[in-house]
Amino acid sequence: MILAHEILHLIKRACSDGDMEVAEKLLQTLELIDARETGAAASHKPLSEAYLAIGKLPAHRRKCQWSH
C-alpha cells in the first residue's frame, strides 16, 4: 500500500502542476493497484483520495480524457 500512497502524492503533484495527462496515467496505475487490494475501507484508499483531489480541481483544469 506504500506504493499507492506515493502514486497518490504524484497525482496530486501532477494536478497542481497542471499536467493532467500525467495525472491520468498515474490514476490508471492507481486503479490497477486498487483492483488488487482487498479488505480496506473505501474512504481510506488512495484511489478514493485521488478521485476527490481531481474532483476539487476547477473544471477547466480537469479537461482531459479520463477513462471514468
PDB file of N, CA and C in Angstrom:
ATOM      1  N   MET A   1       0.815  -1.196   0.000  1.00  0.00           N
ATOM      2  CA  MET A   1       0.000   0.000   0.000  1.00  0.00           C
ATOM      3  C   MET A   1       0.861   1.264   0.000  1.00  0.00           C
ATOM      4  N   ILE A   2       2.129   1.162   0.366  1.00  0.00           N
ATOM      5  CA  ILE A   2       3.006   2.326   0.365  1.00  0.00           C
ATOM      6  C   ILE A   2       3.141   2.869  -1.054  1.00  0.00           C
ATOM      7  N   LEU A   3       3.266   1.999  -2.036  1.00  0.00           N
ATOM      8  CA  LEU A   3       3.382   2.428  -3.421  1.00  0.00           C
ATOM      9  C   LEU A   3       2.153   3.239  -3.827  1.00  0.00           C
ATOM     10  N   ALA A   4       0.976   2.797  -3.439  1.00  0.00           N
ATOM     11  CA  ALA A   4      -0.255   3.506  -3.782  1.00  0.00           C
ATOM     12  C   ALA A   4      -0.257   4.919  -3.197  1.00  0.00           C
ATOM     13  N   HIS A   5       0.250   5.074  -1.987  1.00  0.00           N
ATOM     14  CA  HIS A   5       0.312   6.402  -1.364  1.00  0.00           C
ATOM     15  C   HIS A   5       1.303   7.302  -2.101  1.00  0.00           C
ATOM     16  N   GLU A   6       2.384   6.730  -2.564  1.00  0.00           N
ATOM     17  CA  GLU A   6       3.359   7.510  -3.333  1.00  0.00           C
ATOM     18  C   GLU A   6       2.775   7.946  -4.667  1.00  0.00           C
ATOM     19  N   ILE A   7       2.033   7.069  -5.303  1.00  0.00           N
ATOM     20  CA  ILE A   7       1.388   7.420  -6.568  1.00  0.00           C
ATOM     21  C   ILE A   7       0.332   8.501  -6.333  1.00  0.00           C
ATOM     22  N   LEU A   8      -0.412   8.392  -5.243  1.00  0.00           N
ATOM     23  CA  LEU A   8      -1.388   9.422  -4.896  1.00  0.00           C
ATOM     24  C   LEU A   8      -0.693  10.778  -4.769  1.00  0.00           C
ATOM     25  N   HIS A   9       0.439  10.803  -4.100  1.00  0.00           N
ATOM     26  CA  HIS A   9       1.196  12.047  -3.951  1.00  0.00           C
ATOM     27  C   HIS A   9       1.571  12.603  -5.330  1.00  0.00           C
ATOM     28  N   LEU A  10       1.999  11.730  -6.224  1.00  0.00           N
ATOM     29  CA  LEU A  10       2.382  12.163  -7.569  1.00  0.00           C
ATOM     30  C   LEU A  10       1.178  12.663  -8.371  1.00  0.00           C
ATOM     31  N   ILE A  11       0.021  12.046  -8.175  1.00  0.00           N
ATOM     32  CA  ILE A  11      -1.205  12.515  -8.838  1.00  0.00           C
ATOM     33  C   ILE A  11      -1.519  13.933  -8.390  1.00  0.00           C
ATOM     34  N   LYS A  12      -1.456  14.159  -7.088  1.00  0.00           N
ATOM     35  CA  LYS A  12      -1.734  15.495  -6.554  1.00  0.00           C
ATOM     36  C   LYS A  12      -0.724  16.500  -7.088  1.00  0.00           C
ATOM     37  N   ARG A  13       0.526  16.095  -7.192  1.00  0.00           N
ATOM     38  CA  ARG A  13       1.572  16.984  -7.725  1.00  0.00           C
ATOM     39  C   ARG A  13       1.317  17.293  -9.191  1.00  0.00           C
ATOM     40  N   ALA A  14       0.966  16.278  -9.976  1.00  0.00           N
ATOM     41  CA  ALA A  14       0.670  16.494 -11.392  1.00  0.00           C
ATOM     42  C   ALA A  14      -0.524  17.431 -11.557  1.00  0.00           C
ATOM     43  N   CYS A  15      -1.541  17.264 -10.722  1.00  0.00           N
ATOM     44  CA  CYS A  15      -2.707  18.144 -10.789  1.00  0.00           C
ATOM     45  C   CYS A  15      -2.321  19.582 -10.450  1.00  0.00           C
ATOM     46  N   SER A  16      -1.534  19.759  -9.415  1.00  0.00           N
ATOM     47  CA  SER A  16      -1.143  21.113  -9.022  1.00  0.00           C
ATOM     48  C   SER A  16      -0.240  21.757 -10.073  1.00  0.00           C
ATOM     49  N   ASP A  17       0.514  20.937 -10.803  1.00  0.00           N
ATOM     50  CA  ASP A  17       1.372  21.445 -11.876  1.00  0.00           C
ATOM     51  C   ASP A  17       0.596  21.630 -13.187  1.00  0.00           C
ATOM     52  N   GLY A  18      -0.663  21.187 -13.199  1.00  0.00           N
ATOM     53  CA  GLY A  18      -1.490  21.312 -14.390  1.00  0.00           C
ATOM     54  C   GLY A  18      -1.197  20.268 -15.453  1.00  0.00           C
ATOM     55  N   ASP A  19      -0.500  19.216 -15.102  1.00  0.00           N
ATOM     56  CA  ASP A  19      -0.157  18.166 -16.067  1.00  0.00           C
ATOM     57  C   ASP A  19      -1.176  17.027 -15.958  1.00  0.00           C
ATOM     58  N   MET A  20      -2.323  17.255 -16.555  1.00  0.00           N
ATOM     59  CA  MET A  20      -3.421  16.311 -16.399  1.00  0.00           C
ATOM     60  C   MET A  20      -3.198  15.023 -17.186  1.00  0.00           C
ATOM     61  N   GLU A  21      -2.401  15.071 -18.224  1.00  0.00           N
ATOM     62  CA  GLU A  21      -2.097  13.849 -18.975  1.00  0.00           C
ATOM     63  C   GLU A  21      -1.320  12.866 -18.086  1.00  0.00           C
ATOM     64  N   VAL A  22      -0.352  13.377 -17.346  1.00  0.00           N
ATOM     65  CA  VAL A  22       0.411  12.538 -16.422  1.00  0.00           C
ATOM     66  C   VAL A  22      -0.483  12.078 -15.274  1.00  0.00           C
ATOM     67  N   ALA A  23      -1.319  12.989 -14.765  1.00  0.00           N
ATOM     68  CA  ALA A  23      -2.237  12.626 -13.682  1.00  0.00           C
ATOM     69  C   ALA A  23      -3.143  11.479 -14.110  1.00  0.00           C
ATOM     70  N   GLU A  24      -3.606  11.525 -15.356  1.00  0.00           N
ATOM     71  CA  GLU A  24      -4.474  10.465 -15.862  1.00  0.00           C
ATOM     72  C   GLU A  24      -3.758   9.112 -15.891  1.00  0.00           C
ATOM     73  N   LYS A  25      -2.530   9.096 -16.369  1.00  0.00           N
ATOM     74  CA  LYS A  25      -1.771   7.840 -16.417  1.00  0.00           C
ATOM     75  C   LYS A  25      -1.494   7.311 -15.012  1.00  0.00           C
ATOM     76  N   LEU A  26      -1.175   8.208 -14.099  1.00  0.00           N
ATOM     77  CA  LEU A  26      -0.947   7.793 -12.716  1.00  0.00           C
ATOM     78  C   LEU A  26      -2.229   7.256 -12.090  1.00  0.00           C
ATOM     79  N   LEU A  27      -3.360   7.888 -12.416  1.00  0.00           N
ATOM     80  CA  LEU A  27      -4.641   7.409 -11.908  1.00  0.00           C
ATOM     81  C   LEU A  27      -4.925   5.996 -12.408  1.00  0.00           C
ATOM     82  N   GLN A  28      -4.617   5.728 -13.668  1.00  0.00           N
ATOM     83  CA  GLN A  28      -4.810   4.385 -14.209  1.00  0.00           C
ATOM     84  C   GLN A  28      -3.953   3.364 -13.462  1.00  0.00           C
ATOM     85  N   THR A  29      -2.744   3.763 -13.119  1.00  0.00           N
ATOM     86  CA  THR A  29      -1.860   2.876 -12.348  1.00  0.00           C
ATOM     87  C   THR A  29      -2.434   2.630 -10.969  1.00  0.00           C
ATOM     88  N   LEU A  30      -2.940   3.677 -10.353  1.00  0.00           N
ATOM     89  CA  LEU A  30      -3.542   3.539  -9.027  1.00  0.00           C
ATOM     90  C   LEU A  30      -4.788   2.663  -9.081  1.00  0.00           C
ATOM     91  N   GLU A  31      -5.547   2.747 -10.157  1.00  0.00           N
ATOM     92  CA  GLU A  31      -6.714   1.880 -10.325  1.00  0.00           C
ATOM     93  C   GLU A  31      -6.292   0.415 -10.413  1.00  0.00           C
ATOM     94  N   LEU A  32      -5.193   0.150 -11.080  1.00  0.00           N
ATOM     95  CA  LEU A  32      -4.675  -1.220 -11.177  1.00  0.00           C
ATOM     96  C   LEU A  32      -4.287  -1.748  -9.797  1.00  0.00           C
ATOM     97  N   ILE A  33      -3.576  -0.939  -9.041  1.00  0.00           N
ATOM     98  CA  ILE A  33      -3.179  -1.338  -7.680  1.00  0.00           C
ATOM     99  C   ILE A  33      -4.412  -1.570  -6.830  1.00  0.00           C
ATOM    100  N   ASP A  34      -5.392  -0.663  -6.927  1.00  0.00           N
ATOM    101  CA  ASP A  34      -6.610  -0.768  -6.130  1.00  0.00           C
ATOM    102  C   ASP A  34      -7.377  -2.046  -6.447  1.00  0.00           C
ATOM    103  N   ALA A  35      -7.384  -2.443  -7.706  1.00  0.00           N
ATOM    104  CA  ALA A  35      -8.098  -3.656  -8.102  1.00  0.00           C
ATOM    105  C   ALA A  35      -7.493  -4.902  -7.446  1.00  0.00           C
ATOM    106  N   ARG A  36      -6.238  -4.821  -7.095  1.00  0.00           N
ATOM    107  CA  ARG A  36      -5.564  -5.958  -6.457  1.00  0.00           C
ATOM    108  C   ARG A  36      -5.755  -5.984  -4.938  1.00  0.00           C
ATOM    109  N   GLU A  37      -6.100  -4.831  -4.366  1.00  0.00           N
ATOM    110  CA  GLU A  37      -6.253  -4.727  -2.914  1.00  0.00           C
ATOM    111  C   GLU A  37      -7.636  -5.201  -2.486  1.00  0.00           C
ATOM    112  N   THR A  38      -7.702  -5.789  -1.310  1.00  0.00           N
ATOM    113  CA  THR A  38      -8.994  -6.190  -0.749  1.00  0.00           C
ATOM    114  C   THR A  38      -9.011  -5.877   0.735  1.00  0.00           C
ATOM    115  N   GLY A  39     -10.203  -5.643   1.255  1.00  0.00           N
ATOM    116  CA  GLY A  39     -10.373  -5.505   2.692  1.00  0.00           C
ATOM    117  C   GLY A  39     -10.217  -4.122   3.271  1.00  0.00           C
ATOM    118  N   ALA A  40      -9.741  -3.142   2.533  1.00  0.00           N
ATOM    119  CA  ALA A  40      -9.576  -1.798   3.070  1.00  0.00           C
ATOM    120  C   ALA A  40     -10.869  -1.014   2.861  1.00  0.00           C
ATOM    121  N   ALA A  41     -11.172  -0.150   3.805  1.00  0.00           N
ATOM    122  CA  ALA A  41     -12.354   0.694   3.684  1.00  0.00           C
ATOM    123  C   ALA A  41     -12.149   1.669   2.533  1.00  0.00           C
ATOM    124  N   ALA A  42     -13.176   1.818   1.711  1.00  0.00           N
ATOM    125  CA  ALA A  42     -13.052   2.656   0.510  1.00  0.00           C
ATOM    126  C   ALA A  42     -12.652   4.084   0.849  1.00  0.00           C
ATOM    127  N   SER A  43     -13.107   4.613   1.955  1.00  0.00           N
ATOM    128  CA  SER A  43     -12.802   6.000   2.295  1.00  0.00           C
ATOM    129  C   SER A  43     -11.330   6.194   2.655  1.00  0.00           C
ATOM    130  N   HIS A  44     -10.618   5.119   2.911  1.00  0.00           N
ATOM    131  CA  HIS A  44      -9.214   5.225   3.284  1.00  0.00           C
ATOM    132  C   HIS A  44      -8.265   4.832   2.146  1.00  0.00           C
ATOM    133  N   LYS A  45      -8.818   4.452   1.028  1.00  0.00           N
ATOM    134  CA  LYS A  45      -7.987   4.032  -0.085  1.00  0.00           C
ATOM    135  C   LYS A  45      -7.418   5.229  -0.829  1.00  0.00           C
ATOM    136  N   PRO A  46      -6.179   5.134  -1.259  1.00  0.00           N
ATOM    137  CA  PRO A  46      -5.588   6.215  -2.049  1.00  0.00           C
ATOM    138  C   PRO A  46      -6.384   6.530  -3.318  1.00  0.00           C
ATOM    139  N   LEU A  47      -7.014   5.528  -3.929  1.00  0.00           N
ATOM    140  CA  LEU A  47      -7.785   5.776  -5.136  1.00  0.00           C
ATOM    141  C   LEU A  47      -8.936   6.738  -4.853  1.00  0.00           C
ATOM    142  N   SER A  48      -9.630   6.545  -3.742  1.00  0.00           N
ATOM    143  CA  SER A  48     -10.710   7.453  -3.370  1.00  0.00           C
ATOM    144  C   SER A  48     -10.182   8.863  -3.172  1.00  0.00           C
ATOM    145  N   GLU A  49      -9.042   8.978  -2.536  1.00  0.00           N
ATOM    146  CA  GLU A  49      -8.432  10.290  -2.322  1.00  0.00           C
ATOM    147  C   GLU A  49      -8.042  10.937  -3.644  1.00  0.00           C
ATOM    148  N   ALA A  50      -7.571  10.143  -4.585  1.00  0.00           N
ATOM    149  CA  ALA A  50      -7.193  10.672  -5.897  1.00  0.00           C
ATOM    150  C   ALA A  50      -8.414  11.232  -6.617  1.00  0.00           C
ATOM    151  N   TYR A  51      -9.517  10.490  -6.596  1.00  0.00           N
ATOM    152  CA  TYR A  51     -10.740  10.980  -7.230  1.00  0.00           C
ATOM    153  C   TYR A  51     -11.201  12.280  -6.575  1.00  0.00           C
ATOM    154  N   LEU A  52     -11.112  12.349  -5.265  1.00  0.00           N
ATOM    155  CA  LEU A  52     -11.511  13.570  -4.562  1.00  0.00           C
ATOM    156  C   LEU A  52     -10.604  14.737  -4.927  1.00  0.00           C
ATOM    157  N   ALA A  53      -9.313  14.498  -5.027  1.00  0.00           N
ATOM    158  CA  ALA A  53      -8.364  15.563  -5.384  1.00  0.00           C
ATOM    159  C   ALA A  53      -8.656  16.094  -6.784  1.00  0.00           C
ATOM    160  N   ILE A  54      -8.949  15.196  -7.701  1.00  0.00           N
ATOM    161  CA  ILE A  54      -9.253  15.612  -9.073  1.00  0.00           C
ATOM    162  C   ILE A  54     -10.595  16.342  -9.119  1.00  0.00           C
ATOM    163  N   GLY A  55     -11.550  15.855  -8.349  1.00  0.00           N
ATOM    164  CA  GLY A  55     -12.867  16.485  -8.310  1.00  0.00           C
ATOM    165  C   GLY A  55     -12.846  17.895  -7.763  1.00  0.00           C
ATOM    166  N   LYS A  56     -11.850  18.233  -6.957  1.00  0.00           N
ATOM    167  CA  LYS A  56     -11.743  19.572  -6.379  1.00  0.00           C
ATOM    168  C   LYS A  56     -11.115  20.577  -7.333  1.00  0.00           C
ATOM    169  N   LEU A  57     -10.545  20.091  -8.440  1.00  0.00           N
ATOM    170  CA  LEU A  57      -9.923  20.996  -9.404  1.00  0.00           C
ATOM    171  C   LEU A  57     -10.994  21.789 -10.140  1.00  0.00           C
ATOM    172  N   PRO A  58     -10.689  23.023 -10.527  1.00  0.00           N
ATOM    173  CA  PRO A  58     -11.628  23.775 -11.374  1.00  0.00           C
ATOM    174  C   PRO A  58     -11.874  23.007 -12.671  1.00  0.00           C
ATOM    175  N   ALA A  59     -13.058  23.133 -13.221  1.00  0.00           N
ATOM    176  CA  ALA A  59     -13.447  22.357 -14.399  1.00  0.00           C
ATOM    177  C   ALA A  59     -12.478  22.538 -15.562  1.00  0.00           C
ATOM    178  N   HIS A  60     -11.958  23.728 -15.774  1.00  0.00           N
ATOM    179  CA  HIS A  60     -11.065  23.953 -16.913  1.00  0.00           C
ATOM    180  C   HIS A  60      -9.744  23.210 -16.760  1.00  0.00           C
ATOM    181  N   ARG A  61      -9.367  22.854 -15.542  1.00  0.00           N
ATOM    182  CA  ARG A  61      -8.119  22.104 -15.330  1.00  0.00           C
ATOM    183  C   ARG A  61      -8.339  20.614 -15.424  1.00  0.00           C
ATOM    184  N   ARG A  62      -9.594  20.151 -15.363  1.00  0.00           N
ATOM    185  CA  ARG A  62      -9.888  18.725 -15.420  1.00  0.00           C
ATOM    186  C   ARG A  62     -10.085  18.233 -16.838  1.00  0.00           C
ATOM    187  N   LYS A  63      -9.981  19.087 -17.812  1.00  0.00           N
ATOM    188  CA  LYS A  63     -10.243  18.699 -19.193  1.00  0.00           C
ATOM    189  C   LYS A  63      -9.160  17.774 -19.720  1.00  0.00           C
ATOM    190  N   CYS A  64      -9.453  16.522 -19.704  1.00  0.00           N
ATOM    191  CA  CYS A  64      -8.597  15.504 -20.292  1.00  0.00           C
ATOM    192  C   CYS A  64      -9.460  14.285 -20.541  1.00  0.00           C
ATOM    193  N   GLN A  65      -8.912  13.267 -21.064  1.00  0.00           N
ATOM    194  CA  GLN A  65      -9.702  12.098 -21.443  1.00  0.00           C
ATOM    195  C   GLN A  65      -9.683  11.059 -20.332  1.00  0.00           C
ATOM    196  N   TRP A  66     -10.343  11.373 -19.213  1.00  0.00           N
ATOM    197  CA  TRP A  66     -10.424  10.414 -18.119  1.00  0.00           C
ATOM    198  C   TRP A  66     -11.200   9.204 -18.589  1.00  0.00           C
ATOM    199  N   SER A  67     -10.784   8.061 -18.135  1.00  0.00           N
ATOM    200  CA  SER A  67     -11.438   6.825 -18.550  1.00  0.00           C
ATOM    201  C   SER A  67     -12.752   6.594 -17.804  1.00  0.00           C
ATOM    202  N   HIS A  68     -13.033   7.450 -16.791  1.00  0.00           N
ATOM    203  CA  HIS A  68     -14.263   7.273 -15.992  1.00  0.00           C
ATOM    204  C   HIS A  68     -15.118   8.496 -16.068  1.00  0.00           C
TER     205      HIS A  68
END
